[in-house]
Amino acid sequence: MIICIIFIIHWYLSLFSQTFFLHRYAAHQAFTMNRKWERFFFILTYLTQGSSYLSPRSYAILHRLHHAHTDKELDPHSPSHDGNVFKMMWRTRNIYNAISYDRIAVDSKFKKNVPEWRRFDLWANSSLSRLLWMALYLCMYIVIAPPAICWLLLPVQAALSPIHGVIINWYAHKYGKRNYDTDNTSTNLFKVDWLMLGEGYHNNHHMHPARTNFAAKKGEFDFCYPVIVLFQKWKIIT
């Protein structure tokens, strides 16, 4: 079905922006890029994440807080402190918004070298922008007219980024296997991470947070890493 193909493409494009630009670049600075390319990936993130756009600045700060306080009281998203997945998602949303609009004080070390484009984020994070994207998705479903069951994909598509986040922030701290004995509950969800483009190797990532390749053991494969190597070859990143 056409709508299913569109959904799958959207899933991976949105996820790529999150793992490549927001996570590995903005939060961990695993590689660098010039300002022109940074602005390009801001726009690409907006186009691929759509109604669930995450600010690179806010995401980076939020994720750095997670690494600094994993499973502790100040962790912005931890199954150890939230009774269920929806409570964790709601708390994460509130902290994200507080960071985005400077409603909470954040230590300067968590803000160091984060990518910023305040005017762009002001629009991309706005309720109007999100509503327009959701209206676009709705029109697409109406025009394509998929079977009734396919309409269940619409709310998922509208909230892709939080769903991507919760797969890792909840399930990769409760289930899965561990390659490393870390001081937190992080796990690897998959042997070959075909679903999350390498993000599912969360235990590996907590052990080596600055690595560009999240795969670490034999049989693991990080689908985002070859793209990073290609971008380096093309001199898009260093």
C-alpha atoms as a PDB file:
ATOM      1  CA  MET A   1       0.000   0.000   0.000  1.00  0.00           C
ATOM      2  CA  ILE A   2       1.238   3.472  -0.891  1.00  0.00           C
ATOM      3  CA  ILE A   3       0.556   4.945   2.544  1.00  0.00           C
ATOM      4  CA  CYS A   4       2.605   2.210   4.222  1.00  0.00           C
ATOM      5  CA  ILE A   5       5.539   2.884   1.905  1.00  0.00           C
ATOM      6  CA  ILE A   6       5.295   6.618   2.643  1.00  0.00           C
ATOM      7  CA  PHE A   7       5.156   5.880   6.369  1.00  0.00           C
ATOM      8  CA  ILE A   8       8.267   3.683   6.254  1.00  0.00           C
ATOM      9  CA  ILE A   9      10.198   6.282   4.251  1.00  0.00           C
ATOM     10  CA  HIS A  10       9.125   8.986   6.707  1.00  0.00           C
ATOM     11  CA  TRP A  11      10.105   6.778   9.669  1.00  0.00           C
ATOM     12  CA  TYR A  12      13.686   6.368   8.462  1.00  0.00           C
ATOM     13  CA  LEU A  13      14.192   9.907   7.169  1.00  0.00           C
ATOM     14  CA  SER A  14      12.997  11.362  10.463  1.00  0.00           C
ATOM     15  CA  LEU A  15      15.109   8.878  12.395  1.00  0.00           C
ATOM     16  CA  PHE A  16      18.186   9.701  10.318  1.00  0.00           C
ATOM     17  CA  SER A  17      17.871  13.389  11.195  1.00  0.00           C
ATOM     18  CA  GLN A  18      17.565  12.486  14.840  1.00  0.00           C
ATOM     19  CA  THR A  19      20.484  10.076  15.065  1.00  0.00           C
ATOM     20  CA  PHE A  20      22.858  11.851  12.672  1.00  0.00           C
ATOM     21  CA  PHE A  21      22.226  15.526  13.355  1.00  0.00           C
ATOM     22  CA  LEU A  22      20.542  15.831  16.732  1.00  0.00           C
ATOM     23  CA  HIS A  23      22.239  12.987  18.566  1.00  0.00           C
ATOM     24  CA  ARG A  24      25.711  12.377  17.145  1.00  0.00           C
ATOM     25  CA  TYR A  25      26.375  15.944  16.009  1.00  0.00           C
ATOM     26  CA  ALA A  26      24.450  18.327  18.257  1.00  0.00           C
ATOM     27  CA  ALA A  27      24.572  16.402  21.533  1.00  0.00           C
ATOM     28  CA  HIS A  28      27.922  14.599  21.305  1.00  0.00           C
ATOM     29  CA  GLN A  29      29.881  16.538  18.691  1.00  0.00           C
ATOM     30  CA  ALA A  30      31.240  13.270  17.325  1.00  0.00           C
ATOM     31  CA  PHE A  31      32.099  15.217  14.156  1.00  0.00           C
ATOM     32  CA  THR A  32      32.066  18.821  12.993  1.00  0.00           C
ATOM     33  CA  MET A  33      30.609  20.689  10.035  1.00  0.00           C
ATOM     34  CA  ASN A  34      30.655  24.277   8.842  1.00  0.00           C
ATOM     35  CA  ARG A  35      27.813  26.725   9.408  1.00  0.00           C
ATOM     36  CA  LYS A  36      26.408  26.293   5.899  1.00  0.00           C
ATOM     37  CA  TRP A  37      25.970  22.555   6.339  1.00  0.00           C
ATOM     38  CA  GLU A  38      24.678  23.008   9.879  1.00  0.00           C
ATOM     39  CA  ARG A  39      21.891  25.246   8.594  1.00  0.00           C
ATOM     40  CA  PHE A  40      21.193  22.732   5.819  1.00  0.00           C
ATOM     41  CA  PHE A  41      20.674  19.966   8.380  1.00  0.00           C
ATOM     42  CA  PHE A  42      18.487  22.243  10.518  1.00  0.00           C
ATOM     43  CA  ILE A  43      16.176  22.567   7.525  1.00  0.00           C
ATOM     44  CA  LEU A  44      16.430  18.874   6.637  1.00  0.00           C
ATOM     45  CA  THR A  45      15.500  17.958  10.216  1.00  0.00           C
ATOM     46  CA  TYR A  46      12.457  20.211   9.999  1.00  0.00           C
ATOM     47  CA  LEU A  47      11.375  18.720   6.664  1.00  0.00           C
ATOM     48  CA  THR A  48      11.840  15.124   7.794  1.00  0.00           C
ATOM     49  CA  GLN A  49      10.511  15.401  11.355  1.00  0.00           C
ATOM     50  CA  GLY A  50       7.661  17.721  10.447  1.00  0.00           C
ATOM     51  CA  SER A  51       5.075  18.019  13.194  1.00  0.00           C
ATOM     52  CA  SER A  52       7.398  16.324  15.697  1.00  0.00           C
ATOM     53  CA  TYR A  53      10.407  18.578  15.007  1.00  0.00           C
ATOM     54  CA  LEU A  54      12.980  18.653  17.794  1.00  0.00           C
ATOM     55  CA  SER A  55      15.229  21.659  18.230  1.00  0.00           C
ATOM     56  CA  PRO A  56      18.900  20.629  17.874  1.00  0.00           C
ATOM     57  CA  ARG A  57      19.809  22.984  20.716  1.00  0.00           C
ATOM     58  CA  SER A  58      17.133  21.719  23.087  1.00  0.00           C
ATOM     59  CA  TYR A  59      17.698  18.088  22.155  1.00  0.00           C
ATOM     60  CA  ALA A  60      21.449  18.410  22.715  1.00  0.00           C
ATOM     61  CA  ILE A  61      21.021  19.927  26.170  1.00  0.00           C
ATOM     62  CA  LEU A  62      18.350  17.404  27.140  1.00  0.00           C
ATOM     63  CA  HIS A  63      20.484  14.487  25.996  1.00  0.00           C
ATOM     64  CA  ARG A  64      23.601  15.759  27.744  1.00  0.00           C
ATOM     65  CA  LEU A  65      21.578  15.949  30.954  1.00  0.00           C
ATOM     66  CA  HIS A  66      20.545  12.334  30.380  1.00  0.00           C
ATOM     67  CA  HIS A  67      24.157  11.187  30.115  1.00  0.00           C
ATOM     68  CA  ALA A  68      25.242  13.233  33.117  1.00  0.00           C
ATOM     69  CA  HIS A  69      22.436  11.940  35.360  1.00  0.00           C
ATOM     70  CA  THR A  70      21.434   8.581  33.843  1.00  0.00           C
ATOM     71  CA  ASP A  71      18.822   6.835  36.013  1.00  0.00           C
ATOM     72  CA  LYS A  72      19.264   9.432  38.749  1.00  0.00           C
ATOM     73  CA  GLU A  73      16.774  12.027  39.936  1.00  0.00           C
ATOM     74  CA  LEU A  74      17.876  14.687  37.424  1.00  0.00           C
ATOM     75  CA  ASP A  75      17.660  12.360  34.422  1.00  0.00           C
ATOM     76  CA  PRO A  76      15.024  13.977  32.146  1.00  0.00           C
ATOM     77  CA  HIS A  77      13.780  10.561  30.994  1.00  0.00           C
ATOM     78  CA  SER A  78      14.298   7.407  33.015  1.00  0.00           C
ATOM     79  CA  PRO A  79      12.050   4.365  33.574  1.00  0.00           C
ATOM     80  CA  SER A  80      13.614   4.231  37.037  1.00  0.00           C
ATOM     81  CA  HIS A  81      11.636   7.304  38.116  1.00  0.00           C
ATOM     82  CA  ASP A  82       8.445   7.227  36.029  1.00  0.00           C
ATOM     83  CA  GLY A  83       5.646   4.766  36.683  1.00  0.00           C
ATOM     84  CA  ASN A  84       4.824   4.201  33.031  1.00  0.00           C
ATOM     85  CA  VAL A  85       5.940   5.183  29.561  1.00  0.00           C
ATOM     86  CA  PHE A  86       3.344   7.967  29.216  1.00  0.00           C
ATOM     87  CA  LYS A  87       4.452   9.675  32.427  1.00  0.00           C
ATOM     88  CA  MET A  88       8.027   9.587  31.182  1.00  0.00           C
ATOM     89  CA  MET A  89       7.035  11.027  27.805  1.00  0.00           C
ATOM     90  CA  TRP A  90       5.064  13.830  29.459  1.00  0.00           C
ATOM     91  CA  ARG A  91       7.903  14.735  31.835  1.00  0.00           C
ATOM     92  CA  THR A  92      10.397  14.704  28.958  1.00  0.00           C
ATOM     93  CA  ARG A  93       8.104  16.984  26.956  1.00  0.00           C
ATOM     94  CA  ASN A  94       7.856  19.464  29.823  1.00  0.00           C
ATOM     95  CA  ILE A  95      11.619  19.563  30.338  1.00  0.00           C
ATOM     96  CA  TYR A  96      12.209  19.924  26.595  1.00  0.00           C
ATOM     97  CA  ASN A  97       9.827  22.895  26.449  1.00  0.00           C
ATOM     98  CA  ALA A  98      11.400  24.449  29.533  1.00  0.00           C
ATOM     99  CA  ILE A  99      14.825  24.230  27.893  1.00  0.00           C
ATOM    100  CA  SER A 100      13.512  25.559  24.575  1.00  0.00           C
ATOM    101  CA  TYR A 101      12.018  28.668  26.155  1.00  0.00           C
ATOM    102  CA  ASP A 102      14.708  29.162  28.847  1.00  0.00           C
ATOM    103  CA  ARG A 103      12.305  28.503  31.702  1.00  0.00           C
ATOM    104  CA  ILE A 104      14.861  26.542  33.714  1.00  0.00           C
ATOM    105  CA  ALA A 105      18.470  27.231  34.593  1.00  0.00           C
ATOM    106  CA  VAL A 106      20.920  24.881  32.904  1.00  0.00           C
ATOM    107  CA  ASP A 107      24.607  24.689  33.750  1.00  0.00           C
ATOM    108  CA  SER A 108      26.682  26.305  31.010  1.00  0.00           C
ATOM    109  CA  LYS A 109      28.682  23.107  30.471  1.00  0.00           C
ATOM    110  CA  PHE A 110      25.581  21.479  28.964  1.00  0.00           C
ATOM    111  CA  LYS A 111      25.210  24.353  26.489  1.00  0.00           C
ATOM    112  CA  LYS A 112      28.771  24.345  25.174  1.00  0.00           C
ATOM    113  CA  ASN A 113      28.919  24.522  21.363  1.00  0.00           C
ATOM    114  CA  VAL A 114      25.306  23.445  20.849  1.00  0.00           C
ATOM    115  CA  PRO A 115      23.982  24.392  17.392  1.00  0.00           C
ATOM    116  CA  GLU A 116      21.662  27.380  17.590  1.00  0.00           C
ATOM    117  CA  TRP A 117      19.286  29.024  15.120  1.00  0.00           C
ATOM    118  CA  ARG A 118      16.810  30.719  17.391  1.00  0.00           C
ATOM    119  CA  ARG A 119      14.619  32.334  14.736  1.00  0.00           C
ATOM    120  CA  PHE A 120      14.251  29.058  12.876  1.00  0.00           C
ATOM    121  CA  ASP A 121      13.504  27.104  16.060  1.00  0.00           C
ATOM    122  CA  LEU A 122      10.927  29.690  17.083  1.00  0.00           C
ATOM    123  CA  TRP A 123       8.910  28.829  13.977  1.00  0.00           C
ATOM    124  CA  ALA A 124       9.688  25.118  13.775  1.00  0.00           C
ATOM    125  CA  ASN A 125       8.776  24.579  17.442  1.00  0.00           C
ATOM    126  CA  SER A 126       5.594  26.644  17.235  1.00  0.00           C
ATOM    127  CA  SER A 127       2.107  25.200  17.613  1.00  0.00           C
ATOM    128  CA  LEU A 128       1.102  26.696  14.260  1.00  0.00           C
ATOM    129  CA  SER A 129       3.914  24.897  12.450  1.00  0.00           C
ATOM    130  CA  ARG A 130       2.980  21.590  14.078  1.00  0.00           C
ATOM    131  CA  LEU A 131      -0.698  22.049  13.218  1.00  0.00           C
ATOM    132  CA  LEU A 132       0.117  22.826   9.589  1.00  0.00           C
ATOM    133  CA  TRP A 133       2.221  19.668   9.311  1.00  0.00           C
ATOM    134  CA  MET A 134      -0.554  17.581  10.861  1.00  0.00           C
ATOM    135  CA  ALA A 135      -3.042  19.106   8.434  1.00  0.00           C
ATOM    136  CA  LEU A 136      -0.705  18.158   5.576  1.00  0.00           C
ATOM    137  CA  TYR A 137      -0.528  14.551   6.810  1.00  0.00           C
ATOM    138  CA  LEU A 138      -4.315  14.444   7.140  1.00  0.00           C
ATOM    139  CA  CYS A 139      -4.805  15.732   3.586  1.00  0.00           C
ATOM    140  CA  MET A 140      -2.353  13.133   2.311  1.00  0.00           C
ATOM    141  CA  TYR A 141      -4.328  10.322   3.955  1.00  0.00           C
ATOM    142  CA  ILE A 142      -7.606  11.702   2.609  1.00  0.00           C
ATOM    143  CA  VAL A 143      -6.268  11.982  -0.952  1.00  0.00           C
ATOM    144  CA  ILE A 144      -4.643   8.550  -0.952  1.00  0.00           C
ATOM    145  CA  ALA A 145      -7.686   7.056   0.828  1.00  0.00           C
ATOM    146  CA  PRO A 146      -6.006   4.013   2.397  1.00  0.00           C
ATOM    147  CA  PRO A 147      -7.928   1.150   4.054  1.00  0.00           C
ATOM    148  CA  ALA A 148      -9.397   2.111   7.429  1.00  0.00           C
ATOM    149  CA  ILE A 149      -6.774   0.211   9.401  1.00  0.00           C
ATOM    150  CA  CYS A 150      -3.993   2.301   7.845  1.00  0.00           C
ATOM    151  CA  TRP A 151      -5.394   5.395   9.532  1.00  0.00           C
ATOM    152  CA  LEU A 152      -3.836   4.049  12.728  1.00  0.00           C
ATOM    153  CA  LEU A 153      -0.505   5.138  11.248  1.00  0.00           C
ATOM    154  CA  LEU A 154      -1.544   8.806  11.156  1.00  0.00           C
ATOM    155  CA  PRO A 155      -1.083   9.632  14.883  1.00  0.00           C
ATOM    156  CA  VAL A 156       2.184   7.696  14.860  1.00  0.00           C
ATOM    157  CA  GLN A 157       3.399   9.712  11.889  1.00  0.00           C
ATOM    158  CA  ALA A 158       2.451  12.958  13.612  1.00  0.00           C
ATOM    159  CA  ALA A 159       4.505  12.012  16.696  1.00  0.00           C
ATOM    160  CA  LEU A 160       7.465  10.172  15.168  1.00  0.00           C
ATOM    161  CA  SER A 161      10.224  11.911  17.124  1.00  0.00           C
ATOM    162  CA  PRO A 162       8.761  11.254  20.594  1.00  0.00           C
ATOM    163  CA  ILE A 163       8.065   7.659  19.549  1.00  0.00           C
ATOM    164  CA  HIS A 164      11.642   7.219  18.357  1.00  0.00           C
ATOM    165  CA  GLY A 165      12.777   8.678  21.647  1.00  0.00           C
ATOM    166  CA  VAL A 166      10.616   6.481  23.818  1.00  0.00           C
ATOM    167  CA  ILE A 167      11.752   3.279  22.075  1.00  0.00           C
ATOM    168  CA  ILE A 168      15.271   4.039  23.313  1.00  0.00           C
ATOM    169  CA  ASN A 169      14.649   6.003  26.499  1.00  0.00           C
ATOM    170  CA  TRP A 170      12.151   3.513  27.902  1.00  0.00           C
ATOM    171  CA  TYR A 171      12.657   0.115  26.285  1.00  0.00           C
ATOM    172  CA  ALA A 172      16.463   0.345  25.964  1.00  0.00           C
ATOM    173  CA  HIS A 173      16.618   0.902  29.730  1.00  0.00           C
ATOM    174  CA  LYS A 174      14.285  -1.972  30.617  1.00  0.00           C
ATOM    175  CA  TYR A 175      14.789  -4.750  28.078  1.00  0.00           C
ATOM    176  CA  GLY A 176      17.491  -6.090  25.780  1.00  0.00           C
ATOM    177  CA  LYS A 177      21.049  -7.276  26.418  1.00  0.00           C
ATOM    178  CA  ARG A 178      24.230  -5.642  27.624  1.00  0.00           C
ATOM    179  CA  ASN A 179      27.690  -5.764  26.086  1.00  0.00           C
ATOM    180  CA  TYR A 180      29.167  -3.648  28.875  1.00  0.00           C
ATOM    181  CA  ASP A 181      28.681  -3.411  32.632  1.00  0.00           C
ATOM    182  CA  THR A 182      27.920   0.292  32.899  1.00  0.00           C
ATOM    183  CA  ASP A 183      26.725   2.159  35.985  1.00  0.00           C
ATOM    184  CA  ASN A 184      23.241   2.534  34.476  1.00  0.00           C
ATOM    185  CA  THR A 185      20.421   0.410  33.067  1.00  0.00           C
ATOM    186  CA  SER A 186      21.184   0.939  29.353  1.00  0.00           C
ATOM    187  CA  THR A 187      20.769  -2.092  27.062  1.00  0.00           C
ATOM    188  CA  ASN A 188      21.066  -3.023  23.400  1.00  0.00           C
ATOM    189  CA  LEU A 189      17.688  -3.818  21.856  1.00  0.00           C
ATOM    190  CA  PHE A 190      18.898  -5.557  18.694  1.00  0.00           C
ATOM    191  CA  LYS A 191      21.794  -7.595  17.339  1.00  0.00           C
ATOM    192  CA  VAL A 192      21.347  -5.996  13.924  1.00  0.00           C
ATOM    193  CA  ASP A 193      19.592  -2.674  14.453  1.00  0.00           C
ATOM    194  CA  TRP A 194      17.422  -2.492  11.333  1.00  0.00           C
ATOM    195  CA  LEU A 195      14.684  -0.548  13.149  1.00  0.00           C
ATOM    196  CA  MET A 196      16.530   2.378  14.791  1.00  0.00           C
ATOM    197  CA  LEU A 197      19.563   2.974  12.514  1.00  0.00           C
ATOM    198  CA  GLY A 198      22.018   2.191  15.318  1.00  0.00           C
ATOM    199  CA  GLU A 199      20.193   3.966  18.140  1.00  0.00           C
ATOM    200  CA  GLY A 200      19.168   0.572  19.507  1.00  0.00           C
ATOM    201  CA  TYR A 201      22.781  -0.055  20.583  1.00  0.00           C
ATOM    202  CA  HIS A 202      22.140   2.054  23.644  1.00  0.00           C
ATOM    203  CA  ASN A 203      24.400   0.142  26.034  1.00  0.00           C
ATOM    204  CA  ASN A 204      27.252   0.476  23.543  1.00  0.00           C
ATOM    205  CA  HIS A 205      26.523   4.182  23.297  1.00  0.00           C
ATOM    206  CA  HIS A 206      26.557   4.749  27.042  1.00  0.00           C
ATOM    207  CA  MET A 207      29.900   2.981  27.222  1.00  0.00           C
ATOM    208  CA  HIS A 208      31.392   5.005  24.335  1.00  0.00           C
ATOM    209  CA  PRO A 209      29.198   8.135  23.992  1.00  0.00           C
ATOM    210  CA  ALA A 210      31.498  10.031  21.606  1.00  0.00           C
ATOM    211  CA  ARG A 211      31.904   7.225  19.068  1.00  0.00           C
ATOM    212  CA  THR A 212      30.415   7.788  15.628  1.00  0.00           C
ATOM    213  CA  ASN A 213      29.801   4.047  15.180  1.00  0.00           C
ATOM    214  CA  PHE A 214      27.338   2.706  17.744  1.00  0.00           C
ATOM    215  CA  ALA A 215      27.991  -0.921  16.774  1.00  0.00           C
ATOM    216  CA  ALA A 216      30.749  -2.478  18.867  1.00  0.00           C
ATOM    217  CA  LYS A 217      30.693  -6.285  18.748  1.00  0.00           C
ATOM    218  CA  LYS A 218      30.795  -8.891  16.010  1.00  0.00           C
ATOM    219  CA  GLY A 219      27.478  -9.231  14.211  1.00  0.00           C
ATOM    220  CA  GLU A 220      26.295  -5.696  15.070  1.00  0.00           C
ATOM    221  CA  PHE A 221      25.762  -3.120  12.325  1.00  0.00           C
ATOM    222  CA  ASP A 222      25.068   0.600  12.641  1.00  0.00           C
ATOM    223  CA  PHE A 223      23.207   1.599   9.467  1.00  0.00           C
ATOM    224  CA  CYS A 224      23.931   5.298  10.016  1.00  0.00           C
ATOM    225  CA  TYR A 225      27.692   4.867  10.219  1.00  0.00           C
ATOM    226  CA  PRO A 226      28.334   4.237   6.460  1.00  0.00           C
ATOM    227  CA  VAL A 227      26.516   7.509   5.731  1.00  0.00           C
ATOM    228  CA  ILE A 228      28.804   9.296   8.190  1.00  0.00           C
ATOM    229  CA  VAL A 229      31.848   7.812   6.436  1.00  0.00           C
ATOM    230  CA  LEU A 230      30.446   8.919   3.064  1.00  0.00           C
ATOM    231  CA  PHE A 231      29.755  12.450   4.340  1.00  0.00           C
ATOM    232  CA  GLN A 232      33.322  12.631   5.604  1.00  0.00           C
ATOM    233  CA  LYS A 233      34.610  11.507   2.204  1.00  0.00           C
ATOM    234  CA  TRP A 234      32.516  14.224   0.570  1.00  0.00           C
ATOM    235  CA  LYS A 235      33.884  16.754   3.090  1.00  0.00           C
ATOM    236  CA  ILE A 236      30.448  17.554   4.459  1.00  0.00           C
ATOM    237  CA  ILE A 237      31.691  16.679   7.949  1.00  0.00           C
ATOM    238  CA  THR A 238      35.067  16.266   9.637  1.00  0.00           C
END
